[in-house]
PDB file of N, CA and C in Angstrom:
ATOM      1  N   MET A   1      -0.794  18.157  20.299  1.00  0.00           N
ATOM      2  CA  MET A   1      -2.049  17.482  20.060  1.00  0.00           C
ATOM      3  C   MET A   1      -2.253  16.371  21.080  1.00  0.00           C
ATOM      4  N   ILE A   2      -1.189  15.672  21.403  1.00  0.00           N
ATOM      5  CA  ILE A   2      -1.312  14.580  22.367  1.00  0.00           C
ATOM      6  C   ILE A   2      -1.719  15.119  23.730  1.00  0.00           C
ATOM      7  N   PHE A   3      -1.214  16.309  24.089  1.00  0.00           N
ATOM      8  CA  PHE A   3      -1.583  16.903  25.375  1.00  0.00           C
ATOM      9  C   PHE A   3      -3.073  17.203  25.445  1.00  0.00           C
ATOM     10  N   SER A   4      -3.705  17.444  24.307  1.00  0.00           N
ATOM     11  CA  SER A   4      -5.141  17.723  24.288  1.00  0.00           C
ATOM     12  C   SER A   4      -5.961  16.505  24.671  1.00  0.00           C
ATOM     13  N   SER A   5      -5.419  15.314  24.504  1.00  0.00           N
ATOM     14  CA  SER A   5      -6.176  14.118  24.883  1.00  0.00           C
ATOM     15  C   SER A   5      -6.278  13.983  26.396  1.00  0.00           C
ATOM     16  N   TRP A   6      -5.408  14.687  27.125  1.00  0.00           N
ATOM     17  CA  TRP A   6      -5.457  14.639  28.589  1.00  0.00           C
ATOM     18  C   TRP A   6      -6.149  15.863  29.177  1.00  0.00           C
ATOM     19  N   ALA A   7      -6.877  16.603  28.356  1.00  0.00           N
ATOM     20  CA  ALA A   7      -7.519  17.834  28.825  1.00  0.00           C
ATOM     21  C   ALA A   7      -8.564  17.515  29.883  1.00  0.00           C
ATOM     22  N   PHE A   8      -8.433  18.161  31.029  1.00  0.00           N
ATOM     23  CA  PHE A   8      -9.379  17.966  32.125  1.00  0.00           C
ATOM     24  C   PHE A   8     -10.260  19.186  32.320  1.00  0.00           C
ATOM     25  N   SER A   9      -9.965  20.274  31.644  1.00  0.00           N
ATOM     26  CA  SER A   9     -10.805  21.466  31.703  1.00  0.00           C
ATOM     27  C   SER A   9     -10.736  22.184  30.355  1.00  0.00           C
ATOM     28  N   ILE A  10     -11.685  23.082  30.156  1.00  0.00           N
ATOM     29  CA  ILE A  10     -11.739  23.793  28.879  1.00  0.00           C
ATOM     30  C   ILE A  10     -10.552  24.743  28.730  1.00  0.00           C
ATOM     31  N   SER A  11     -10.066  25.298  29.843  1.00  0.00           N
ATOM     32  CA  SER A  11      -8.909  26.199  29.745  1.00  0.00           C
ATOM     33  C   SER A  11      -7.651  25.425  29.343  1.00  0.00           C
ATOM     34  N   TYR A  12      -7.502  24.209  29.849  1.00  0.00           N
ATOM     35  CA  TYR A  12      -6.363  23.376  29.451  1.00  0.00           C
ATOM     36  C   TYR A  12      -6.482  22.993  27.978  1.00  0.00           C
ATOM     37  N   LEU A  13      -7.694  22.727  27.524  1.00  0.00           N
ATOM     38  CA  LEU A  13      -7.913  22.399  26.113  1.00  0.00           C
ATOM     39  C   LEU A  13      -7.604  23.600  25.221  1.00  0.00           C
ATOM     40  N   TYR A  14      -8.024  24.795  25.646  1.00  0.00           N
ATOM     41  CA  TYR A  14      -7.696  25.997  24.876  1.00  0.00           C
ATOM     42  C   TYR A  14      -6.190  26.157  24.732  1.00  0.00           C
ATOM     43  N   PHE A  15      -5.464  25.943  25.823  1.00  0.00           N
ATOM     44  CA  PHE A  15      -4.015  26.102  25.772  1.00  0.00           C
ATOM     45  C   PHE A  15      -3.366  24.999  24.950  1.00  0.00           C
ATOM     46  N   SER A  16      -3.718  23.743  25.240  1.00  0.00           N
ATOM     47  CA  SER A  16      -3.028  22.625  24.589  1.00  0.00           C
ATOM     48  C   SER A  16      -3.357  22.531  23.107  1.00  0.00           C
ATOM     49  N   PHE A  17      -4.598  22.749  22.756  1.00  0.00           N
ATOM     50  CA  PHE A  17      -4.964  22.628  21.342  1.00  0.00           C
ATOM     51  C   PHE A  17      -4.804  23.953  20.613  1.00  0.00           C
ATOM     52  N   GLY A  18      -5.368  24.989  21.179  1.00  0.00           N
ATOM     53  CA  GLY A  18      -5.337  26.282  20.497  1.00  0.00           C
ATOM     54  C   GLY A  18      -3.956  26.876  20.381  1.00  0.00           C
ATOM     55  N   ALA A  19      -3.300  27.055  21.503  1.00  0.00           N
ATOM     56  CA  ALA A  19      -1.999  27.733  21.492  1.00  0.00           C
ATOM     57  C   ALA A  19      -0.894  26.826  20.973  1.00  0.00           C
ATOM     58  N   MET A  20      -0.806  25.623  21.492  1.00  0.00           N
ATOM     59  CA  MET A  20       0.314  24.758  21.119  1.00  0.00           C
ATOM     60  C   MET A  20       0.181  24.225  19.695  1.00  0.00           C
ATOM     61  N   VAL A  21      -0.974  23.687  19.347  1.00  0.00           N
ATOM     62  CA  VAL A  21      -1.164  23.142  17.994  1.00  0.00           C
ATOM     63  C   VAL A  21      -1.181  24.272  16.967  1.00  0.00           C
ATOM     64  N   GLY A  22      -1.811  25.389  17.305  1.00  0.00           N
ATOM     65  CA  GLY A  22      -1.830  26.530  16.391  1.00  0.00           C
ATOM     66  C   GLY A  22      -0.448  27.085  16.118  1.00  0.00           C
ATOM     67  N   THR A  23       0.350  27.210  17.166  1.00  0.00           N
ATOM     68  CA  THR A  23       1.723  27.690  16.992  1.00  0.00           C
ATOM     69  C   THR A  23       2.546  26.698  16.183  1.00  0.00           C
ATOM     70  N   GLY A  24       2.408  25.423  16.482  1.00  0.00           N
ATOM     71  CA  GLY A  24       3.156  24.406  15.743  1.00  0.00           C
ATOM     72  C   GLY A  24       2.789  24.370  14.274  1.00  0.00           C
ATOM     73  N   ALA A  25       1.501  24.467  13.980  1.00  0.00           N
ATOM     74  CA  ALA A  25       1.074  24.466  12.579  1.00  0.00           C
ATOM     75  C   ALA A  25       1.533  25.733  11.870  1.00  0.00           C
ATOM     76  N   GLY A  26       1.483  26.853  12.571  1.00  0.00           N
ATOM     77  CA  GLY A  26       1.946  28.106  11.980  1.00  0.00           C
ATOM     78  C   GLY A  26       3.436  28.110  11.696  1.00  0.00           C
ATOM     79  N   LEU A  27       4.202  27.454  12.551  1.00  0.00           N
ATOM     80  CA  LEU A  27       5.647  27.382  12.341  1.00  0.00           C
ATOM     81  C   LEU A  27       6.026  26.317  11.311  1.00  0.00           C
ATOM     82  N   ALA A  28       5.161  25.353  11.076  1.00  0.00           N
ATOM     83  CA  ALA A  28       5.478  24.266  10.147  1.00  0.00           C
ATOM     84  C   ALA A  28       5.151  24.613   8.696  1.00  0.00           C
ATOM     85  N   PHE A  29       4.194  25.485   8.456  1.00  0.00           N
ATOM     86  CA  PHE A  29       3.757  25.751   7.087  1.00  0.00           C
ATOM     87  C   PHE A  29       4.783  26.523   6.252  1.00  0.00           C
ATOM     88  N   PRO A  30       5.332  27.642   6.705  1.00  0.00           N
ATOM     89  CA  PRO A  30       6.295  28.377   5.854  1.00  0.00           C
ATOM     90  C   PRO A  30       7.530  27.576   5.449  1.00  0.00           C
ATOM     91  N   PRO A  31       8.138  26.774   6.330  1.00  0.00           N
ATOM     92  CA  PRO A  31       9.283  25.983   5.867  1.00  0.00           C
ATOM     93  C   PRO A  31       8.925  24.974   4.783  1.00  0.00           C
ATOM     94  N   THR A  32       7.710  24.471   4.816  1.00  0.00           N
ATOM     95  CA  THR A  32       7.285  23.519   3.791  1.00  0.00           C
ATOM     96  C   THR A  32       7.304  24.174   2.414  1.00  0.00           C
ATOM     97  N   VAL A  33       6.755  25.369   2.325  1.00  0.00           N
ATOM     98  CA  VAL A  33       6.745  26.091   1.051  1.00  0.00           C
ATOM     99  C   VAL A  33       8.172  26.428   0.629  1.00  0.00           C
ATOM    100  N   TYR A  34       9.002  26.845   1.569  1.00  0.00           N
ATOM    101  CA  TYR A  34      10.395  27.184   1.254  1.00  0.00           C
ATOM    102  C   TYR A  34      11.162  25.966   0.736  1.00  0.00           C
ATOM    103  N   ILE A  35      10.974  24.831   1.373  1.00  0.00           N
ATOM    104  CA  ILE A  35      11.686  23.620   0.962  1.00  0.00           C
ATOM    105  C   ILE A  35      11.276  23.205  -0.448  1.00  0.00           C
ATOM    106  N   VAL A  36       9.983  23.229  -0.724  1.00  0.00           N
ATOM    107  CA  VAL A  36       9.513  22.823  -2.054  1.00  0.00           C
ATOM    108  C   VAL A  36      10.042  23.772  -3.121  1.00  0.00           C
ATOM    109  N   THR A  37       9.993  25.075  -2.859  1.00  0.00           N
ATOM    110  CA  THR A  37      10.476  26.018  -3.872  1.00  0.00           C
ATOM    111  C   THR A  37      11.995  25.991  -3.999  1.00  0.00           C
ATOM    112  N   SER A  38      12.705  25.529  -2.985  1.00  0.00           N
ATOM    113  CA  SER A  38      14.164  25.421  -3.075  1.00  0.00           C
ATOM    114  C   SER A  38      14.593  24.216  -3.898  1.00  0.00           C
ATOM    115  N   TYR A  39      13.878  23.127  -3.790  1.00  0.00           N
ATOM    116  CA  TYR A  39      14.254  21.909  -4.503  1.00  0.00           C
ATOM    117  C   TYR A  39      13.897  21.973  -5.981  1.00  0.00           C
ATOM    118  N   PHE A  40      12.822  22.635  -6.315  1.00  0.00           N
ATOM    119  CA  PHE A  40      12.359  22.653  -7.700  1.00  0.00           C
ATOM    120  C   PHE A  40      12.559  24.048  -8.284  1.00  0.00           C
ATOM    121  N   VAL A  41      13.421  24.150  -9.261  1.00  0.00           N
ATOM    122  CA  VAL A  41      13.706  25.442  -9.873  1.00  0.00           C
ATOM    123  C   VAL A  41      12.928  25.586 -11.178  1.00  0.00           C
ATOM    124  N   ARG A  42      13.030  24.606 -12.034  1.00  0.00           N
ATOM    125  CA  ARG A  42      12.413  24.698 -13.360  1.00  0.00           C
ATOM    126  C   ARG A  42      10.889  24.626 -13.283  1.00  0.00           C
ATOM    127  N   LEU A  43      10.357  23.696 -12.523  1.00  0.00           N
ATOM    128  CA  LEU A  43       8.903  23.526 -12.404  1.00  0.00           C
ATOM    129  C   LEU A  43       8.416  23.972 -11.023  1.00  0.00           C
ATOM    130  N   ARG A  44       8.898  25.119 -10.586  1.00  0.00           N
ATOM    131  CA  ARG A  44       8.590  25.611  -9.243  1.00  0.00           C
ATOM    132  C   ARG A  44       7.090  25.829  -9.041  1.00  0.00           C
ATOM    133  N   GLY A  45       6.417  26.382 -10.028  1.00  0.00           N
ATOM    134  CA  GLY A  45       4.986  26.640  -9.911  1.00  0.00           C
ATOM    135  C   GLY A  45       4.180  25.354  -9.754  1.00  0.00           C
ATOM    136  N   LEU A  46       4.509  24.357 -10.543  1.00  0.00           N
ATOM    137  CA  LEU A  46       3.818  23.071 -10.453  1.00  0.00           C
ATOM    138  C   LEU A  46       4.068  22.412  -9.101  1.00  0.00           C
ATOM    139  N   ALA A  47       5.312  22.429  -8.655  1.00  0.00           N
ATOM    140  CA  ALA A  47       5.642  21.818  -7.365  1.00  0.00           C
ATOM    141  C   ALA A  47       4.933  22.535  -6.226  1.00  0.00           C
ATOM    142  N   ASN A  48       4.884  23.849  -6.291  1.00  0.00           N
ATOM    143  CA  ASN A  48       4.196  24.613  -5.256  1.00  0.00           C
ATOM    144  C   ASN A  48       2.694  24.337  -5.284  1.00  0.00           C
ATOM    145  N   GLY A  49       2.123  24.191  -6.467  1.00  0.00           N
ATOM    146  CA  GLY A  49       0.704  23.863  -6.578  1.00  0.00           C
ATOM    147  C   GLY A  49       0.379  22.496  -6.008  1.00  0.00           C
ATOM    148  N   ILE A  50       1.232  21.514  -6.269  1.00  0.00           N
ATOM    149  CA  ILE A  50       1.028  20.175  -5.708  1.00  0.00           C
ATOM    150  C   ILE A  50       1.151  20.214  -4.191  1.00  0.00           C
ATOM    151  N   CYS A  51       2.114  20.986  -3.693  1.00  0.00           N
ATOM    152  CA  CYS A  51       2.300  21.120  -2.244  1.00  0.00           C
ATOM    153  C   CYS A  51       1.055  21.728  -1.592  1.00  0.00           C
ATOM    154  N   MET A  52       0.528  22.781  -2.183  1.00  0.00           N
ATOM    155  CA  MET A  52      -0.656  23.435  -1.621  1.00  0.00           C
ATOM    156  C   MET A  52      -1.902  22.550  -1.746  1.00  0.00           C
ATOM    157  N   SER A  53      -1.987  21.780  -2.816  1.00  0.00           N
ATOM    158  CA  SER A  53      -3.156  20.914  -2.973  1.00  0.00           C
ATOM    159  C   SER A  53      -3.140  19.775  -1.962  1.00  0.00           C
ATOM    160  N   GLY A  54      -1.965  19.444  -1.432  1.00  0.00           N
ATOM    161  CA  GLY A  54      -1.893  18.415  -0.394  1.00  0.00           C
ATOM    162  C   GLY A  54      -2.632  18.824   0.862  1.00  0.00           C
ATOM    163  N   SER A  55      -2.516  20.085   1.256  1.00  0.00           N
ATOM    164  CA  SER A  55      -3.247  20.535   2.441  1.00  0.00           C
ATOM    165  C   SER A  55      -4.749  20.590   2.165  1.00  0.00           C
ATOM    166  N   ALA A  56      -5.141  20.936   0.954  1.00  0.00           N
ATOM    167  CA  ALA A  56      -6.560  20.922   0.606  1.00  0.00           C
ATOM    168  C   ALA A  56      -7.102  19.497   0.596  1.00  0.00           C
ATOM    169  N   PHE A  57      -6.315  18.566   0.077  1.00  0.00           N
ATOM    170  CA  PHE A  57      -6.724  17.159   0.074  1.00  0.00           C
ATOM    171  C   PHE A  57      -6.882  16.648   1.508  1.00  0.00           C
ATOM    172  N   GLY A  58      -5.965  17.032   2.370  1.00  0.00           N
ATOM    173  CA  GLY A  58      -6.073  16.648   3.776  1.00  0.00           C
ATOM    174  C   GLY A  58      -7.315  17.221   4.432  1.00  0.00           C
ATOM    175  N   SER A  59      -7.695  18.436   4.048  1.00  0.00           N
ATOM    176  CA  SER A  59      -8.903  19.049   4.597  1.00  0.00           C
ATOM    177  C   SER A  59     -10.165  18.340   4.121  1.00  0.00           C
ATOM    178  N   ILE A  60     -10.105  17.707   2.973  1.00  0.00           N
ATOM    179  CA  ILE A  60     -11.253  16.948   2.470  1.00  0.00           C
ATOM    180  C   ILE A  60     -11.330  15.583   3.142  1.00  0.00           C
ATOM    181  N   ILE A  61     -10.201  14.942   3.355  1.00  0.00           N
ATOM    182  CA  ILE A  61     -10.155  13.583   3.895  1.00  0.00           C
ATOM    183  C   ILE A  61     -10.324  13.547   5.413  1.00  0.00           C
ATOM    184  N   LEU A  62      -9.821  14.569   6.109  1.00  0.00           N
ATOM    185  CA  LEU A  62      -9.794  14.528   7.571  1.00  0.00           C
ATOM    186  C   LEU A  62     -11.172  14.431   8.236  1.00  0.00           C
ATOM    187  N   PRO A  63     -12.217  15.150   7.802  1.00  0.00           N
ATOM    188  CA  PRO A  63     -13.502  15.038   8.506  1.00  0.00           C
ATOM    189  C   PRO A  63     -14.090  13.626   8.559  1.00  0.00           C
ATOM    190  N   PRO A  64     -14.129  12.854   7.451  1.00  0.00           N
ATOM    191  CA  PRO A  64     -14.647  11.490   7.586  1.00  0.00           C
ATOM    192  C   PRO A  64     -13.766  10.600   8.465  1.00  0.00           C
ATOM    193  N   VAL A  65     -12.449  10.791   8.362  1.00  0.00           N
ATOM    194  CA  VAL A  65     -11.540  10.006   9.205  1.00  0.00           C
ATOM    195  C   VAL A  65     -11.755  10.360  10.666  1.00  0.00           C
ATOM    196  N   LEU A  66     -11.898  11.642  10.947  1.00  0.00           N
ATOM    197  CA  LEU A  66     -12.113  12.083  12.324  1.00  0.00           C
ATOM    198  C   LEU A  66     -13.444  11.578  12.872  1.00  0.00           C
ATOM    199  N   ARG A  67     -14.468  11.557  12.045  1.00  0.00           N
ATOM    200  CA  ARG A  67     -15.762  11.027  12.490  1.00  0.00           C
ATOM    201  C   ARG A  67     -15.633   9.551  12.867  1.00  0.00           C
ATOM    202  N   TYR A  68     -14.942   8.789  12.026  1.00  0.00           N
ATOM    203  CA  TYR A  68     -14.726   7.373  12.318  1.00  0.00           C
ATOM    204  C   TYR A  68     -13.949   7.196  13.622  1.00  0.00           C
ATOM    205  N   LEU A  69     -12.873   7.966  13.786  1.00  0.00           N
ATOM    206  CA  LEU A  69     -12.068   7.855  15.004  1.00  0.00           C
ATOM    207  C   LEU A  69     -12.870   8.227  16.243  1.00  0.00           C
ATOM    208  N   LEU A  70     -13.706   9.252  16.138  1.00  0.00           N
ATOM    209  CA  LEU A  70     -14.531   9.644  17.282  1.00  0.00           C
ATOM    210  C   LEU A  70     -15.543   8.563  17.643  1.00  0.00           C
ATOM    211  N   GLU A  71     -16.139   7.926  16.632  1.00  0.00           N
ATOM    212  CA  GLU A  71     -17.113   6.866  16.905  1.00  0.00           C
ATOM    213  C   GLU A  71     -16.454   5.634  17.501  1.00  0.00           C
ATOM    214  N   GLU A  72     -15.265   5.297  17.023  1.00  0.00           N
ATOM    215  CA  GLU A  72     -14.597   4.076  17.479  1.00  0.00           C
ATOM    216  C   GLU A  72     -13.832   4.244  18.788  1.00  0.00           C
ATOM    217  N   PHE A  73     -13.175   5.394  18.972  1.00  0.00           N
ATOM    218  CA  PHE A  73     -12.254   5.546  20.096  1.00  0.00           C
ATOM    219  C   PHE A  73     -12.626   6.654  21.069  1.00  0.00           C
ATOM    220  N   GLY A  74     -13.636   7.439  20.761  1.00  0.00           N
ATOM    221  CA  GLY A  74     -13.997   8.548  21.628  1.00  0.00           C
ATOM    222  C   GLY A  74     -13.061   9.729  21.412  1.00  0.00           C
ATOM    223  N   TYR A  75     -13.343  10.815  22.155  1.00  0.00           N
ATOM    224  CA  TYR A  75     -12.562  12.035  21.965  1.00  0.00           C
ATOM    225  C   TYR A  75     -11.094  11.831  22.311  1.00  0.00           C
ATOM    226  N   ASN A  76     -10.823  11.289  23.482  1.00  0.00           N
ATOM    227  CA  ASN A  76      -9.429  11.133  23.916  1.00  0.00           C
ATOM    228  C   ASN A  76      -8.634  10.245  22.961  1.00  0.00           C
ATOM    229  N   GLY A  77      -9.211   9.139  22.538  1.00  0.00           N
ATOM    230  CA  GLY A  77      -8.513   8.240  21.626  1.00  0.00           C
ATOM    231  C   GLY A  77      -8.286   8.857  20.261  1.00  0.00           C
ATOM    232  N   ALA A  78      -9.292   9.580  19.748  1.00  0.00           N
ATOM    233  CA  ALA A  78      -9.154  10.207  18.429  1.00  0.00           C
ATOM    234  C   ALA A  78      -8.054  11.260  18.434  1.00  0.00           C
ATOM    235  N   VAL A  79      -8.022  12.076  19.485  1.00  0.00           N
ATOM    236  CA  VAL A  79      -6.989  13.114  19.566  1.00  0.00           C
ATOM    237  C   VAL A  79      -5.616  12.481  19.747  1.00  0.00           C
ATOM    238  N   LEU A  80      -5.544  11.412  20.500  1.00  0.00           N
ATOM    239  CA  LEU A  80      -4.273  10.718  20.698  1.00  0.00           C
ATOM    240  C   LEU A  80      -3.760  10.117  19.380  1.00  0.00           C
ATOM    241  N   ILE A  81      -4.652   9.542  18.587  1.00  0.00           N
ATOM    242  CA  ILE A  81      -4.264   8.977  17.288  1.00  0.00           C
ATOM    243  C   ILE A  81      -3.807  10.080  16.331  1.00  0.00           C
ATOM    244  N   LEU A  82      -4.533  11.202  16.289  1.00  0.00           N
ATOM    245  CA  LEU A  82      -4.113  12.312  15.430  1.00  0.00           C
ATOM    246  C   LEU A  82      -2.770  12.880  15.882  1.00  0.00           C
ATOM    247  N   GLY A  83      -2.544  12.917  17.189  1.00  0.00           N
ATOM    248  CA  GLY A  83      -1.244  13.352  17.696  1.00  0.00           C
ATOM    249  C   GLY A  83      -0.132  12.410  17.276  1.00  0.00           C
ATOM    250  N   GLY A  84      -0.408  11.111  17.274  1.00  0.00           N
ATOM    251  CA  GLY A  84       0.582  10.141  16.809  1.00  0.00           C
ATOM    252  C   GLY A  84       0.895  10.305  15.334  1.00  0.00           C
ATOM    253  N   ILE A  85      -0.119  10.616  14.546  1.00  0.00           N
ATOM    254  CA  ILE A  85       0.108  10.876  13.118  1.00  0.00           C
ATOM    255  C   ILE A  85       0.988  12.104  12.945  1.00  0.00           C
ATOM    256  N   MET A  86       0.730  13.139  13.732  1.00  0.00           N
ATOM    257  CA  MET A  86       1.558  14.348  13.650  1.00  0.00           C
ATOM    258  C   MET A  86       3.001  14.073  14.061  1.00  0.00           C
ATOM    259  N   LEU A  87       3.200  13.219  15.036  1.00  0.00           N
ATOM    260  CA  LEU A  87       4.569  12.870  15.428  1.00  0.00           C
ATOM    261  C   LEU A  87       5.300  12.152  14.295  1.00  0.00           C
ATOM    262  N   ASN A  88       4.582  11.330  13.544  1.00  0.00           N
ATOM    263  CA  ASN A  88       5.196  10.671  12.381  1.00  0.00           C
ATOM    264  C   ASN A  88       5.571  11.682  11.302  1.00  0.00           C
ATOM    265  N   VAL A  89       4.755  12.707  11.131  1.00  0.00           N
ATOM    266  CA  VAL A  89       5.083  13.759  10.168  1.00  0.00           C
ATOM    267  C   VAL A  89       6.340  14.498  10.614  1.00  0.00           C
ATOM    268  N   TRP A  90       6.484  14.743  11.910  1.00  0.00           N
ATOM    269  CA  TRP A  90       7.701  15.388  12.426  1.00  0.00           C
ATOM    270  C   TRP A  90       8.917  14.526  12.140  1.00  0.00           C
ATOM    271  N   ALA A  91       8.782  13.228  12.329  1.00  0.00           N
ATOM    272  CA  ALA A  91       9.911  12.327  12.068  1.00  0.00           C
ATOM    273  C   ALA A  91      10.306  12.373  10.594  1.00  0.00           C
ATOM    274  N   ALA A  92       9.327  12.434   9.713  1.00  0.00           N
ATOM    275  CA  ALA A  92       9.630  12.532   8.283  1.00  0.00           C
ATOM    276  C   ALA A  92      10.275  13.877   7.952  1.00  0.00           C
ATOM    277  N   ALA A  93       9.849  14.935   8.623  1.00  0.00           N
ATOM    278  CA  ALA A  93      10.428  16.259   8.371  1.00  0.00           C
ATOM    279  C   ALA A  93      11.891  16.325   8.789  1.00  0.00           C
ATOM    280  N   LEU A  94      12.278  15.531   9.754  1.00  0.00           N
ATOM    281  CA  LEU A  94      13.673  15.516  10.187  1.00  0.00           C
ATOM    282  C   LEU A  94      14.596  14.917   9.127  1.00  0.00           C
ATOM    283  N   LEU A  95      14.043  14.223   8.154  1.00  0.00           N
ATOM    284  CA  LEU A  95      14.848  13.605   7.107  1.00  0.00           C
ATOM    285  C   LEU A  95      15.205  14.567   5.971  1.00  0.00           C
ATOM    286  N   PHE A  96      14.616  15.764   5.973  1.00  0.00           N
ATOM    287  CA  PHE A  96      14.963  16.742   4.939  1.00  0.00           C
ATOM    288  C   PHE A  96      16.425  17.129   5.074  1.00  0.00           C
ATOM    289  N   GLN A  97      17.070  17.268   3.945  1.00  0.00           N
ATOM    290  CA  GLN A  97      18.466  17.698   3.915  1.00  0.00           C
ATOM    291  C   GLN A  97      18.544  19.046   3.218  1.00  0.00           C
ATOM    292  N   PRO A  98      19.584  19.818   3.502  1.00  0.00           N
ATOM    293  CA  PRO A  98      19.730  21.102   2.802  1.00  0.00           C
ATOM    294  C   PRO A  98      19.825  20.897   1.291  1.00  0.00           C
ATOM    295  N   VAL A  99      19.326  21.852   0.557  1.00  0.00           N
ATOM    296  CA  VAL A  99      19.308  21.756  -0.900  1.00  0.00           C
ATOM    297  C   VAL A  99      20.723  21.672  -1.455  1.00  0.00           C
ATOM    298  N   GLU A 100      21.668  22.327  -0.803  1.00  0.00           N
ATOM    299  CA  GLU A 100      23.040  22.355  -1.301  1.00  0.00           C
ATOM    300  C   GLU A 100      23.635  20.953  -1.413  1.00  0.00           C
ATOM    301  N   VAL A 101      23.182  20.028  -0.618  1.00  0.00           N
ATOM    302  CA  VAL A 101      23.683  18.652  -0.668  1.00  0.00           C
ATOM    303  C   VAL A 101      23.368  18.015  -2.015  1.00  0.00           C
ATOM    304  N   HIS A 102      22.233  18.382  -2.599  1.00  0.00           N
ATOM    305  CA  HIS A 102      21.773  17.759  -3.838  1.00  0.00           C
ATOM    306  C   HIS A 102      22.096  18.573  -5.089  1.00  0.00           C
ATOM    307  N   MET A 103      22.647  19.760  -4.915  1.00  0.00           N
ATOM    308  CA  MET A 103      22.965  20.603  -6.065  1.00  0.00           C
ATOM    309  C   MET A 103      24.219  20.095  -6.768  1.00  0.00           C
ATOM    310  N   VAL A 104      24.235  20.198  -8.075  1.00  0.00           N
ATOM    311  CA  VAL A 104      25.404  19.825  -8.867  1.00  0.00           C
ATOM    312  C   VAL A 104      26.286  21.065  -8.997  1.00  0.00           C
ATOM    313  N   LYS A 105      27.540  20.923  -8.640  1.00  0.00           N
ATOM    314  CA  LYS A 105      28.456  22.056  -8.755  1.00  0.00           C
ATOM    315  C   LYS A 105      28.923  22.174 -10.208  1.00  0.00           C
ATOM    316  N   LYS A 106      28.803  23.376 -10.772  1.00  0.00           N
ATOM    317  CA  LYS A 106      29.178  23.593 -12.166  1.00  0.00           C
ATOM    318  C   LYS A 106      30.656  23.928 -12.316  1.00  0.00           C
ATOM    319  N   TYR A 107      31.199  24.579 -11.329  1.00  0.00           N
ATOM    320  CA  TYR A 107      32.586  25.030 -11.439  1.00  0.00           C
ATOM    321  C   TYR A 107      33.423  24.387 -10.347  1.00  0.00           C
ATOM    322  N   LYS A 108      34.556  23.888 -10.737  1.00  0.00           N
ATOM    323  CA  LYS A 108      35.483  23.323  -9.763  1.00  0.00           C
ATOM    324  C   LYS A 108      36.466  24.404  -9.349  1.00  0.00           C
ATOM    325  N   GLU A 109      36.849  24.357  -8.118  1.00  0.00           N
ATOM    326  CA  GLU A 109      37.844  25.317  -7.628  1.00  0.00           C
ATOM    327  C   GLU A 109      39.205  24.940  -8.174  1.00  0.00           C
ATOM    328  N   ILE A 110      39.981  25.925  -8.549  1.00  0.00           N
ATOM    329  CA  ILE A 110      41.309  25.677  -9.119  1.00  0.00           C
ATOM    330  C   ILE A 110      42.342  25.603  -8.022  1.00  0.00           C
TER     331      ILE A 110
END
C-alpha cells in the first residue's frame, strides 16, 4: 500500500495496489479465520461470526475515514497513512502464538 503512494503512472499503480495489496489481503484472510477457529472450540461459531463482522464493520467505517484523509492529505498522504495502518496490523499479527502454547494438557507422560 505504501508503494502506491509513490505511483508515477497508472501501470505502476495497477501493480502496486492491485497485485501487491490484493495478494497480501488474499494471503492474510484465510489465516485469520484459521486462528480464530483454532482458539475457540466451544463457541467457535460465535467467534467466527465476530471475526467476520469485523471486516464488515471496517467496510462501513473506511469510506468516511478515507474521504477525510483524501480531503486533508491528498491521494499520496491518504494512501501512505492507510499503508502505515496496515503495517501496524502486521506487527500485531506477529504477536500470535501457536494454539498449542495455550492448550491445557490433560494427560501427563509417565
